[in-house]
Protein backbone atom coordinates (compact mmCIF):
# COMPACT_ATOMS: atom_id res chain seq x y z
CA MET A 1 -43.34 83.48 134.99
CA GLU A 2 -43.71 82.13 131.32
CA LEU A 3 -41.36 79.12 130.46
CA LYS A 4 -39.73 81.54 127.96
CA LYS A 5 -38.97 84.03 130.79
CA ILE A 6 -37.49 81.02 132.91
CA GLU A 7 -35.79 79.52 130.07
CA ARG A 8 -33.93 82.91 129.29
CA ILE A 9 -33.05 83.28 133.58
CA SER A 10 -31.61 79.89 132.96
CA LYS A 11 -29.17 81.12 129.81
CA ALA A 12 -28.48 83.94 131.57
CA LEU A 13 -27.08 81.84 134.53
CA GLY A 14 -26.03 79.00 133.37
CA ASP A 15 -22.40 81.01 132.81
CA VAL A 16 -19.66 80.79 135.01
CA ASN A 17 -18.65 84.64 135.10
CA ARG A 18 -22.43 85.72 135.40
CA LEU A 19 -23.11 84.23 138.39
CA ARG A 20 -19.54 86.09 139.60
CA ILE A 21 -20.98 89.48 138.79
CA LEU A 22 -24.29 88.47 140.35
CA LYS A 23 -22.02 87.59 143.50
CA ALA A 24 -20.01 90.46 143.31
CA VAL A 25 -23.39 92.50 142.94
CA GLN A 26 -25.03 91.22 145.68
CA ALA A 27 -21.82 91.47 148.10
CA SER A 28 -22.53 94.97 147.60
CA GLU A 29 -25.46 94.92 149.15
CA SER A 30 -26.54 97.51 147.06
CA ARG A 31 -25.32 98.18 143.22
CA LEU A 32 -22.06 98.28 141.84
CA GLU A 33 -20.45 100.88 138.85
CA CYS A 34 -19.21 98.37 135.75
CA THR A 35 -15.48 99.88 135.94
CA THR A 36 -15.73 98.12 139.81
CA ILE A 37 -16.97 94.88 138.56
CA VAL A 38 -13.90 94.73 136.14
CA SER A 39 -11.69 94.96 139.11
CA LEU A 40 -13.54 92.67 140.89
CA LEU A 41 -13.37 90.23 138.37
CA ASP A 42 -10.14 90.58 136.47
CA LEU A 43 -12.05 89.95 133.03
CA SER A 44 -11.75 92.60 130.32
CA GLN A 45 -14.00 95.29 129.92
CA PRO A 46 -15.73 94.08 126.74
CA SER A 47 -16.33 90.81 128.58
CA ILE A 48 -17.99 92.31 131.25
CA SER A 49 -19.97 94.63 129.25
CA HIS A 50 -21.19 91.31 127.27
CA HIS A 51 -22.23 89.37 130.19
CA ILE A 52 -23.91 92.30 132.06
CA LYS A 53 -25.91 92.98 128.67
CA LYS A 54 -27.34 89.08 129.01
CA LEU A 55 -27.90 89.68 132.75
CA VAL A 56 -29.95 92.64 131.87
CA ASP A 57 -31.97 91.17 128.83
CA ALA A 58 -32.98 88.49 131.54
CA ASP A 59 -34.45 91.28 134.37
CA LEU A 60 -31.91 89.69 136.61
CA LEU A 61 -29.82 93.29 136.76
CA GLN A 62 -31.40 96.81 136.96
CA PRO A 63 -29.48 99.25 135.53
CA GLN A 64 -29.40 103.17 136.46
CA LYS A 65 -27.26 105.97 134.72
CA GLU A 66 -25.71 108.35 137.10
CA GLY A 67 -24.21 110.96 134.50
CA ARG A 68 -21.87 109.06 132.27
CA PHE A 69 -21.52 105.83 134.61
CA TYR A 70 -24.01 102.92 134.68
CA TYR A 71 -24.60 101.13 138.29
CA TYR A 72 -26.39 97.86 138.15
CA SER A 73 -28.52 96.48 141.31
CA ILE A 74 -30.23 92.75 141.63
CA ASN A 75 -34.11 92.66 140.20
CA LYS A 76 -34.87 90.40 143.37
CA GLU A 77 -38.67 90.89 142.46
CA VAL A 78 -37.12 88.92 138.84
CA MET A 79 -35.42 86.67 140.88
CA GLU A 80 -37.81 85.72 144.00
CA ASN A 81 -40.27 85.07 141.16
CA TYR A 82 -37.82 83.13 139.49
CA PHE A 83 -37.06 80.78 142.19
CA LYS A 84 -41.27 79.81 142.67
CA ALA A 85 -41.49 78.98 139.39
CA LEU A 86 -38.69 76.40 139.78
CA GLN A 87 -40.07 75.44 143.10
CA SER A 88 -43.78 75.34 141.44
CA SER A 89 -42.97 73.09 138.40
């Protein structure tokens, strides 16, 4: 994994609200819809959208559009590669 990608992921993980979003998605054992995340975390919808965008840009979350709703799941492959890259450094 390139250092730039490691840096982007590390920055995305450097925010407590983004960690809370990842934890909520992981706890769902599959995927969550954006409005569900809003209700779980007691943050405004624009704030959740901002944090989700950062996580998607870092490839930590994968969006799936169904109708007019977006569902998000954790990109396990990227997470595993990130942890492996950190261990090998």
